[in-house]
N, C-alpha and C. Protein backbone atom coordinates (compact mmCIF):
# COMPACT_ATOMS: atom_id res chain seq x y z
N MET A 1 68.18 67.17 101.78
CA MET A 1 68.72 66.51 100.48
C MET A 1 68.82 67.39 99.44
N PRO A 2 69.99 67.35 98.80
CA PRO A 2 69.97 68.36 97.64
C PRO A 2 69.00 67.85 96.57
N VAL A 3 68.70 69.12 95.93
CA VAL A 3 67.72 68.72 94.56
C VAL A 3 68.47 68.55 93.25
N SER A 4 68.50 67.63 92.56
CA SER A 4 69.05 67.49 91.17
C SER A 4 68.64 68.47 90.16
N ASP A 5 69.59 68.74 89.18
CA ASP A 5 69.29 69.60 88.17
C ASP A 5 67.96 69.04 87.37
N ASP A 6 67.81 67.67 87.12
CA ASP A 6 66.67 67.11 86.55
C ASP A 6 65.32 67.45 87.28
N GLU A 7 65.46 67.23 88.81
CA GLU A 7 64.36 67.66 89.51
C GLU A 7 63.86 69.14 89.51
N TRP A 8 65.00 69.99 89.52
CA TRP A 8 64.62 71.44 89.21
C TRP A 8 63.91 71.75 87.93
N ARG A 9 64.55 71.00 86.82
CA ARG A 9 64.02 71.31 85.61
C ARG A 9 62.46 70.74 85.39
N ASP A 10 62.08 69.74 86.33
CA ASP A 10 60.75 69.27 86.22
C ASP A 10 59.95 70.47 87.18
N LYS A 11 60.46 70.91 88.09
CA LYS A 11 59.62 71.90 88.99
C LYS A 11 59.42 73.23 88.20
N LEU A 12 60.69 73.66 87.54
CA LEU A 12 60.71 75.15 86.93
C LEU A 12 60.40 75.11 85.57
N SER A 13 60.09 76.28 84.95
CA SER A 13 59.91 76.56 83.68
C SER A 13 61.29 76.67 82.97
N PRO A 14 61.59 76.50 81.72
CA PRO A 14 62.87 76.89 81.17
C PRO A 14 63.56 78.04 81.43
N GLU A 15 62.63 79.07 81.50
CA GLU A 15 63.12 80.62 82.03
C GLU A 15 63.54 80.49 83.34
N GLN A 16 62.72 80.07 84.40
CA GLN A 16 62.89 79.90 85.71
C GLN A 16 64.19 79.11 85.90
N PHE A 17 64.48 78.00 85.30
CA PHE A 17 65.69 77.24 85.55
C PHE A 17 66.98 78.07 85.17
N ALA A 18 66.93 78.78 84.01
CA ALA A 18 67.98 79.52 83.47
C ALA A 18 68.29 80.71 84.47
N VAL A 19 67.38 81.22 85.10
CA VAL A 19 67.62 82.29 86.08
C VAL A 19 67.89 81.90 87.39
N CYS A 20 67.04 80.98 88.05
CA CYS A 20 67.33 80.44 89.19
C CYS A 20 68.33 79.72 89.48
N ARG A 21 68.63 78.67 88.67
CA ARG A 21 69.68 77.58 88.80
C ARG A 21 71.00 77.90 88.18
N CYS A 22 70.89 78.81 86.93
CA CYS A 22 72.07 78.98 86.18
C CYS A 22 72.68 80.41 86.26
N GLY A 23 71.94 81.33 87.30
CA GLY A 23 72.16 82.64 87.36
C GLY A 23 72.08 83.67 86.29
N GLY A 24 71.19 83.31 85.33
CA GLY A 24 70.72 84.14 84.16
C GLY A 24 69.81 85.40 84.68
N THR A 25 69.68 86.36 83.67
CA THR A 25 68.91 87.47 83.85
C THR A 25 67.89 87.65 82.90
N GLU A 26 66.63 87.86 83.17
CA GLU A 26 65.60 88.13 82.11
C GLU A 26 65.99 89.51 81.57
N PRO A 27 65.46 89.74 80.29
CA PRO A 27 65.60 91.15 79.76
C PRO A 27 64.78 92.29 80.60
N ALA A 28 65.35 93.43 80.70
CA ALA A 28 64.58 94.53 81.41
C ALA A 28 63.26 94.65 80.62
N PHE A 29 62.30 95.04 81.62
CA PHE A 29 60.91 95.27 81.00
C PHE A 29 60.06 94.19 80.42
N THR A 30 60.49 92.95 80.85
CA THR A 30 59.83 91.80 80.28
C THR A 30 59.28 91.00 81.28
N GLY A 31 59.71 91.02 82.49
CA GLY A 31 59.14 90.02 83.54
C GLY A 31 57.84 90.45 83.96
N LYS A 32 57.13 89.31 84.43
CA LYS A 32 55.71 89.59 84.82
C LYS A 32 55.46 90.59 86.04
N TYR A 33 56.62 90.57 86.79
CA TYR A 33 56.32 91.55 88.17
C TYR A 33 57.07 92.92 88.06
N TRP A 34 57.69 93.17 86.99
CA TRP A 34 58.49 94.71 87.00
C TRP A 34 57.65 95.85 87.27
N ASP A 35 56.29 95.71 86.92
CA ASP A 35 55.51 96.83 86.92
C ASP A 35 54.28 96.47 87.86
N THR A 36 54.39 95.28 88.38
CA THR A 36 53.24 94.99 89.30
C THR A 36 53.16 95.80 90.59
N LYS A 37 51.94 96.15 90.92
CA LYS A 37 51.54 96.96 92.12
C LYS A 37 50.64 96.21 93.06
N THR A 38 50.43 95.06 92.81
CA THR A 38 49.58 94.06 93.67
C THR A 38 50.19 93.87 94.90
N ALA A 39 49.42 94.14 96.08
CA ALA A 39 49.72 93.75 97.47
C ALA A 39 49.96 92.25 97.68
N GLY A 40 51.10 91.97 98.39
CA GLY A 40 51.29 90.57 98.85
C GLY A 40 52.57 90.18 98.93
N THR A 41 53.15 89.00 98.98
CA THR A 41 54.38 88.55 99.42
C THR A 41 55.02 87.84 98.02
N TYR A 42 56.30 88.36 97.91
CA TYR A 42 57.04 87.63 96.72
C TYR A 42 57.77 86.58 97.27
N ARG A 43 57.51 85.50 96.72
CA ARG A 43 58.04 84.13 97.37
C ARG A 43 59.11 83.52 96.28
N CYS A 44 60.10 82.93 96.84
CA CYS A 44 61.07 82.07 95.92
C CYS A 44 60.38 81.10 94.97
N ALA A 45 60.59 81.34 93.72
CA ALA A 45 59.97 80.48 92.71
C ALA A 45 60.33 78.92 93.00
N GLY A 46 61.66 78.65 93.46
CA GLY A 46 62.03 77.40 93.52
C GLY A 46 61.56 76.79 94.82
N CYS A 47 61.45 77.43 96.07
CA CYS A 47 60.89 76.73 97.23
C CYS A 47 59.89 77.32 97.92
N GLY A 48 59.42 78.66 97.67
CA GLY A 48 58.30 79.07 98.13
C GLY A 48 58.71 79.99 99.46
N THR A 49 59.86 80.18 99.81
CA THR A 49 60.30 80.99 100.94
C THR A 49 60.06 82.36 100.61
N ALA A 50 59.40 83.02 101.67
CA ALA A 50 59.01 84.49 101.54
C ALA A 50 60.28 85.37 101.39
N LEU A 51 60.47 86.26 100.36
CA LEU A 51 61.65 86.90 100.18
C LEU A 51 61.53 88.32 100.20
N PHE A 52 60.41 88.86 99.62
CA PHE A 52 59.98 90.46 99.70
C PHE A 52 58.66 90.63 99.96
N ASP A 53 58.33 91.76 100.64
CA ASP A 53 57.00 92.24 100.85
C ASP A 53 56.56 93.44 99.66
N SER A 54 55.56 93.34 99.27
CA SER A 54 55.07 94.46 98.16
C SER A 54 55.26 95.85 99.10
N ASP A 55 55.11 95.85 100.23
CA ASP A 55 55.34 97.29 100.95
C ASP A 55 56.65 97.89 100.68
N THR A 56 57.73 96.91 100.14
CA THR A 56 58.99 97.58 100.27
C THR A 56 59.32 97.56 98.63
N LYS A 57 58.46 97.31 97.84
CA LYS A 57 58.69 97.39 96.28
C LYS A 57 58.58 98.73 95.75
N TYR A 58 59.35 99.25 94.83
CA TYR A 58 59.28 100.48 94.21
C TYR A 58 59.70 100.54 92.74
N ASP A 59 59.40 101.55 92.10
CA ASP A 59 59.74 101.52 90.75
C ASP A 59 61.19 102.32 90.59
N SER A 60 62.09 101.56 90.37
CA SER A 60 63.65 102.11 90.32
C SER A 60 63.86 102.55 88.84
N GLY A 61 62.87 102.17 87.98
CA GLY A 61 63.20 102.54 86.54
C GLY A 61 64.11 101.59 85.73
N SER A 62 64.45 100.58 86.44
CA SER A 62 65.53 99.74 85.72
C SER A 62 64.76 98.70 84.84
N GLY A 63 63.57 98.35 85.00
CA GLY A 63 62.86 97.46 84.29
C GLY A 63 62.73 96.10 84.94
N TRP A 64 63.35 95.92 86.10
CA TRP A 64 63.12 94.77 86.93
C TRP A 64 62.49 94.92 88.27
N PRO A 65 61.68 94.13 88.92
CA PRO A 65 61.15 94.31 90.29
C PRO A 65 62.23 94.77 91.20
N SER A 66 62.08 95.76 91.89
CA SER A 66 62.98 96.44 92.71
C SER A 66 62.42 96.62 94.27
N PHE A 67 63.17 96.25 95.20
CA PHE A 67 62.69 96.36 96.65
C PHE A 67 63.77 96.95 97.51
N TRP A 68 63.44 97.83 98.49
CA TRP A 68 64.41 98.40 99.33
C TRP A 68 64.79 97.49 100.57
N ALA A 69 64.29 96.36 100.83
CA ALA A 69 64.39 95.57 101.76
C ALA A 69 63.77 94.00 101.74
N PRO A 70 64.51 93.06 102.07
CA PRO A 70 64.04 91.65 102.03
C PRO A 70 62.93 91.52 103.03
N ALA A 71 62.21 90.46 102.93
CA ALA A 71 61.30 90.15 104.01
C ALA A 71 61.68 89.98 105.49
N ASN A 72 62.95 89.35 105.54
CA ASN A 72 63.62 89.51 106.87
C ASN A 72 64.98 89.35 106.68
N GLY A 73 65.75 89.28 107.86
CA GLY A 73 67.12 89.30 107.82
C GLY A 73 67.84 87.88 107.42
N HIS A 74 66.91 86.88 107.27
CA HIS A 74 67.56 85.52 107.09
C HIS A 74 67.07 84.83 105.82
N CYS A 75 66.30 85.62 104.98
CA CYS A 75 65.78 85.00 103.82
C CYS A 75 66.54 85.02 102.50
N ILE A 76 67.68 85.78 102.74
CA ILE A 76 68.48 86.25 101.46
C ILE A 76 69.92 86.13 101.71
N ASN A 77 70.67 85.35 100.91
CA ASN A 77 72.22 85.47 101.14
C ASN A 77 72.86 86.16 100.12
N GLU A 78 73.89 86.93 100.50
CA GLU A 78 74.77 87.69 99.55
C GLU A 78 76.23 87.21 99.20
N HIS A 79 76.45 87.15 98.01
CA HIS A 79 77.77 86.58 97.45
C HIS A 79 78.43 87.53 96.48
N THR A 80 79.73 87.73 96.50
CA THR A 80 80.38 88.44 95.52
C THR A 80 80.27 87.91 93.98
N ASP A 81 79.93 88.69 93.20
CA ASP A 81 79.74 88.29 91.86
C ASP A 81 80.92 89.17 91.00
N THR A 82 81.70 88.52 90.34
CA THR A 82 82.63 89.31 89.47
C THR A 82 82.26 88.91 88.17
N SER A 83 81.25 88.33 87.57
CA SER A 83 80.94 88.09 86.28
C SER A 83 80.71 89.46 85.43
N MET A 84 80.79 89.31 84.13
CA MET A 84 80.27 90.54 83.28
C MET A 84 81.21 91.71 83.43
N GLY A 85 82.45 91.27 84.06
CA GLY A 85 83.55 92.42 83.97
C GLY A 85 83.24 93.44 85.11
N MET A 86 82.54 93.17 86.00
CA MET A 86 82.31 94.04 87.14
C MET A 86 82.13 93.34 88.56
N VAL A 87 82.22 94.09 89.55
CA VAL A 87 81.92 93.46 90.91
C VAL A 87 80.62 93.95 91.53
N ARG A 88 79.65 92.98 91.75
CA ARG A 88 78.41 93.16 92.20
C ARG A 88 78.05 92.40 93.44
N THR A 89 76.96 92.46 94.14
CA THR A 89 76.70 91.60 94.98
C THR A 89 75.45 90.83 94.52
N GLU A 90 75.49 89.52 94.51
CA GLU A 90 74.38 88.61 93.86
C GLU A 90 73.74 88.25 95.22
N ILE A 91 72.28 88.22 94.89
CA ILE A 91 71.36 87.67 96.04
C ILE A 91 70.77 86.43 95.59
N THR A 92 70.76 85.40 96.71
CA THR A 92 70.17 84.22 96.47
C THR A 92 69.26 83.88 97.68
N CYS A 93 68.41 82.86 97.43
CA CYS A 93 67.42 82.33 98.33
C CYS A 93 68.16 81.63 99.43
N ALA A 94 68.16 82.08 100.77
CA ALA A 94 68.88 81.40 101.79
C ALA A 94 68.49 79.91 101.82
N LYS A 95 67.43 79.39 101.48
CA LYS A 95 66.81 78.08 101.56
C LYS A 95 67.32 77.20 100.53
N CYS A 96 67.13 77.50 99.37
CA CYS A 96 67.40 76.55 98.20
C CYS A 96 68.39 77.11 97.22
N GLU A 97 68.92 78.19 97.55
CA GLU A 97 70.13 78.89 96.89
C GLU A 97 69.76 79.27 95.47
N SER A 98 68.58 79.49 95.18
CA SER A 98 68.23 79.93 93.63
C SER A 98 68.87 81.36 93.56
N HIS A 99 69.26 81.84 92.47
CA HIS A 99 69.57 83.26 92.09
C HIS A 99 68.42 84.02 92.10
N VAL A 100 68.40 85.17 92.67
CA VAL A 100 67.28 85.95 92.85
C VAL A 100 67.69 87.38 91.88
N GLY A 101 68.81 87.77 92.00
CA GLY A 101 69.30 89.02 91.36
C GLY A 101 70.48 89.72 91.92
N HIS A 102 70.46 90.96 92.19
CA HIS A 102 71.56 91.54 92.73
C HIS A 102 71.05 92.69 93.77
N VAL A 103 71.99 93.14 94.57
CA VAL A 103 71.73 94.16 95.45
C VAL A 103 72.64 95.33 95.15
N PHE A 104 72.25 96.67 95.10
CA PHE A 104 72.97 97.69 94.76
C PHE A 104 72.93 98.86 95.80
N PRO A 105 73.76 99.77 96.09
CA PRO A 105 73.72 100.72 97.08
C PRO A 105 73.06 102.00 96.62
N ASN A 106 72.08 102.04 95.72
CA ASN A 106 71.49 103.31 95.12
C ASN A 106 70.04 103.14 95.24
N GLY A 107 69.44 102.60 96.37
CA GLY A 107 68.09 102.50 96.58
C GLY A 107 67.48 103.56 97.41
N PRO A 108 66.16 103.78 97.65
CA PRO A 108 65.57 104.84 98.49
C PRO A 108 65.94 104.52 99.89
N GLN A 109 65.53 105.53 100.71
CA GLN A 109 65.56 105.38 102.13
C GLN A 109 64.30 104.55 102.59
N PRO A 110 64.30 103.82 103.53
CA PRO A 110 65.08 103.86 104.79
C PRO A 110 66.35 103.16 104.75
N THR A 111 66.72 102.39 103.62
CA THR A 111 67.94 101.46 103.58
C THR A 111 68.74 101.87 102.63
N GLY A 112 68.45 102.68 101.74
CA GLY A 112 69.47 103.15 100.69
C GLY A 112 69.97 101.99 99.77
N LEU A 113 69.22 100.81 99.88
CA LEU A 113 69.52 99.53 99.07
C LEU A 113 68.53 99.41 97.88
N ARG A 114 68.90 98.87 96.82
CA ARG A 114 68.14 98.52 95.66
C ARG A 114 68.17 97.01 95.37
N TYR A 115 67.41 96.18 95.87
CA TYR A 115 67.34 94.72 95.52
C TYR A 115 66.73 94.44 94.23
N CYS A 116 67.51 94.27 93.21
CA CYS A 116 67.13 94.21 91.89
C CYS A 116 66.80 92.80 91.52
N THR A 117 65.60 92.26 91.24
CA THR A 117 65.24 90.81 91.16
C THR A 117 64.89 90.62 89.67
N ASN A 118 64.66 89.23 89.54
CA ASN A 118 64.05 88.80 88.28
C ASN A 118 62.83 88.25 88.63
N SER A 119 61.76 88.55 87.84
CA SER A 119 60.42 88.03 88.04
C SER A 119 60.47 86.56 87.85
N ALA A 120 61.42 85.91 87.12
CA ALA A 120 61.32 84.43 87.01
C ALA A 120 61.66 83.67 88.24
N SER A 121 62.37 84.55 89.22
CA SER A 121 62.75 84.23 90.70
C SER A 121 61.73 84.13 91.48
N LEU A 122 60.71 84.70 91.19
CA LEU A 122 59.53 85.28 92.17
C LEU A 122 58.28 84.48 91.96
N ASP A 123 57.51 84.46 92.86
CA ASP A 123 56.07 83.96 92.79
C ASP A 123 55.29 84.84 93.75
N LEU A 124 54.40 85.85 93.33
CA LEU A 124 53.61 86.61 94.10
C LEU A 124 52.52 86.09 94.70
N ARG A 125 52.26 86.07 95.95
CA ARG A 125 51.17 85.57 96.63
C ARG A 125 50.42 86.68 97.06
N GLU A 126 49.49 86.93 96.47
CA GLU A 126 48.60 88.07 96.85
C GLU A 126 48.06 88.04 98.23
N ARG A 127 47.78 89.26 98.85
CA ARG A 127 47.35 89.48 100.08
C ARG A 127 45.94 88.84 100.22
N GLY A 128 45.64 87.77 101.17
CA GLY A 128 44.26 87.24 101.17
C GLY A 128 44.33 85.89 100.52
N ASP A 129 45.30 85.42 99.83
CA ASP A 129 45.62 84.14 99.26
C ASP A 129 45.87 83.15 100.09
N GLY A 130 46.01 83.39 101.25
CA GLY A 130 46.39 82.30 102.29
C GLY A 130 47.75 82.23 102.34
């Protein structure tokens, strides 16, 4: 059953709603996870789906949390994004369709990809937190 905008607003903070449901982007170097080194699983702020593991997080220098691979091959969907006068690949949660960020072909090996995400789209569950 689809979730209404009012239900999303009740569940998410105003910043999370703007990013997750409206495709917004938080300013670089401002999100709570851009420089986090804590081990754990980064989950979708909207539905709790595991999206990224801290083992694939790296410092891209971009000011946003960056990963070289998603948690698995089924948790992220990709869509062409032609906003902002450029062509990019948007990434969304495969379960609830929340906007997570974009993926670029300039990441480290072994994938060569940079999943550039918004902290507002993520919820870090530290290892050992169940």
